[in-house]
Amino acid sequence: MVLEEMQKAYNVSFLGQDFIDGCSAMKNVEGEALDFVDGSKDCTFSQFEKSHREYKECQNKAVDLKDRGMALINVGLFSDVKYDFDRS
């Protein structure tokens, strides 16, 4: 439940890490929560959340690029690639 409240604080930009730091219940479990989720207490919840969102955004972009590439191959734009791809 505290982790959910930390997430809510992060999502509301005017609250963020300052709110987490100012709430003793959240601050007391922040390290334990991060250790549970990430296996490390080396960063704040906000730092972790920002990194995680950047990772997910990058992952989504990679999937999108792969899908676009496969769509181009499937419509025959790169007929030689489609041939090689179909053989394997």
Protein backbone atom coordinates (compact mmCIF):
# COMPACT_ATOMS: atom_id res chain seq x y z
CA MET A 1 0.00 0.00 0.00
CA VAL A 2 2.82 2.42 0.79
CA LEU A 3 4.40 1.60 -2.57
CA GLU A 4 1.12 2.57 -4.26
CA GLU A 5 1.13 5.89 -2.39
CA MET A 6 4.72 6.49 -3.47
CA GLN A 7 3.64 5.82 -7.06
CA LYS A 8 0.78 8.31 -6.71
CA ALA A 9 3.17 10.91 -5.30
CA TYR A 10 5.53 10.38 -8.23
CA ASN A 11 2.70 10.69 -10.75
CA VAL A 12 1.63 14.05 -9.32
CA SER A 13 4.55 16.22 -10.38
CA PHE A 14 4.10 18.87 -7.69
CA LEU A 15 4.37 16.20 -4.98
CA GLY A 16 7.14 13.88 -6.12
CA GLN A 17 10.20 13.01 -4.07
CA ASP A 18 9.77 15.95 -1.67
CA PHE A 19 6.41 14.54 -0.63
CA ILE A 20 7.89 11.06 -0.16
CA ASP A 21 10.77 12.52 1.88
CA GLY A 22 8.34 14.52 4.03
CA CYS A 23 6.13 11.55 4.84
CA SER A 24 7.83 9.46 7.50
CA ALA A 25 5.83 6.31 6.64
CA MET A 26 6.94 6.49 3.01
CA LYS A 27 10.50 7.53 3.76
CA ASN A 28 10.93 4.71 6.28
CA VAL A 29 9.95 2.02 3.79
CA GLU A 30 11.39 3.60 0.64
CA GLY A 31 14.67 1.69 0.86
CA GLU A 32 12.96 -1.58 1.74
CA ALA A 33 10.46 -1.15 -1.10
CA LEU A 34 13.21 -0.47 -3.63
CA ASP A 35 15.23 -3.38 -2.32
CA PHE A 36 12.18 -5.59 -2.81
CA VAL A 37 11.41 -4.30 -6.31
CA ASP A 38 14.92 -3.71 -7.65
CA GLY A 39 17.25 -5.54 -5.29
CA SER A 40 19.03 -2.28 -4.42
CA LYS A 41 18.71 0.63 -2.01
CA ASP A 42 21.12 2.83 -3.99
CA CYS A 43 18.55 5.28 -5.34
CA THR A 44 15.36 7.08 -4.40
CA PHE A 45 11.94 5.93 -5.52
CA SER A 46 11.74 8.84 -7.96
CA GLN A 47 15.11 7.94 -9.52
CA PHE A 48 14.03 4.33 -9.85
CA GLU A 49 10.65 5.28 -11.32
CA LYS A 50 12.24 7.65 -13.85
CA SER A 51 14.75 5.00 -14.96
CA HIS A 52 12.05 2.35 -15.17
CA ARG A 53 9.83 4.60 -17.31
CA GLU A 54 12.74 5.45 -19.62
CA TYR A 55 13.51 1.73 -19.98
CA LYS A 56 9.87 0.91 -20.80
CA GLU A 57 9.73 3.77 -23.31
CA CYS A 58 12.88 2.52 -25.01
CA GLN A 59 11.53 -1.03 -25.04
CA ASN A 60 8.24 0.14 -26.58
CA LYS A 61 10.12 2.10 -29.25
CA ALA A 62 12.19 -0.98 -30.10
CA VAL A 63 9.06 -3.12 -30.46
CA ASP A 64 7.48 -0.43 -32.65
CA LEU A 65 10.57 -0.27 -34.88
CA LYS A 66 10.63 -4.06 -35.17
CA ASP A 67 6.94 -4.12 -36.10
CA ARG A 68 7.44 -1.40 -38.72
CA GLY A 69 10.39 -3.26 -40.19
CA MET A 70 8.45 -6.51 -40.34
CA ALA A 71 5.52 -4.71 -41.99
CA LEU A 72 7.86 -3.35 -44.69
CA ILE A 73 9.28 -6.81 -45.25
CA ASN A 74 5.81 -8.37 -45.39
CA VAL A 75 4.59 -5.95 -48.08
CA GLY A 76 7.59 -6.85 -50.22
CA LEU A 77 9.49 -3.58 -50.00
CA PHE A 78 12.67 -5.57 -49.42
CA SER A 79 12.03 -8.63 -51.55
CA ASP A 80 15.53 -10.02 -51.03
CA VAL A 81 15.13 -9.76 -47.25
CA LYS A 82 11.72 -11.43 -47.40
CA TYR A 83 13.23 -14.26 -49.42
CA ASP A 84 16.04 -14.75 -46.91
CA PHE A 85 13.63 -14.41 -44.01
CA ASP A 86 11.22 -16.99 -45.45
CA ARG A 87 14.00 -19.53 -45.97
CA SER A 88 15.09 -19.51 -42.34
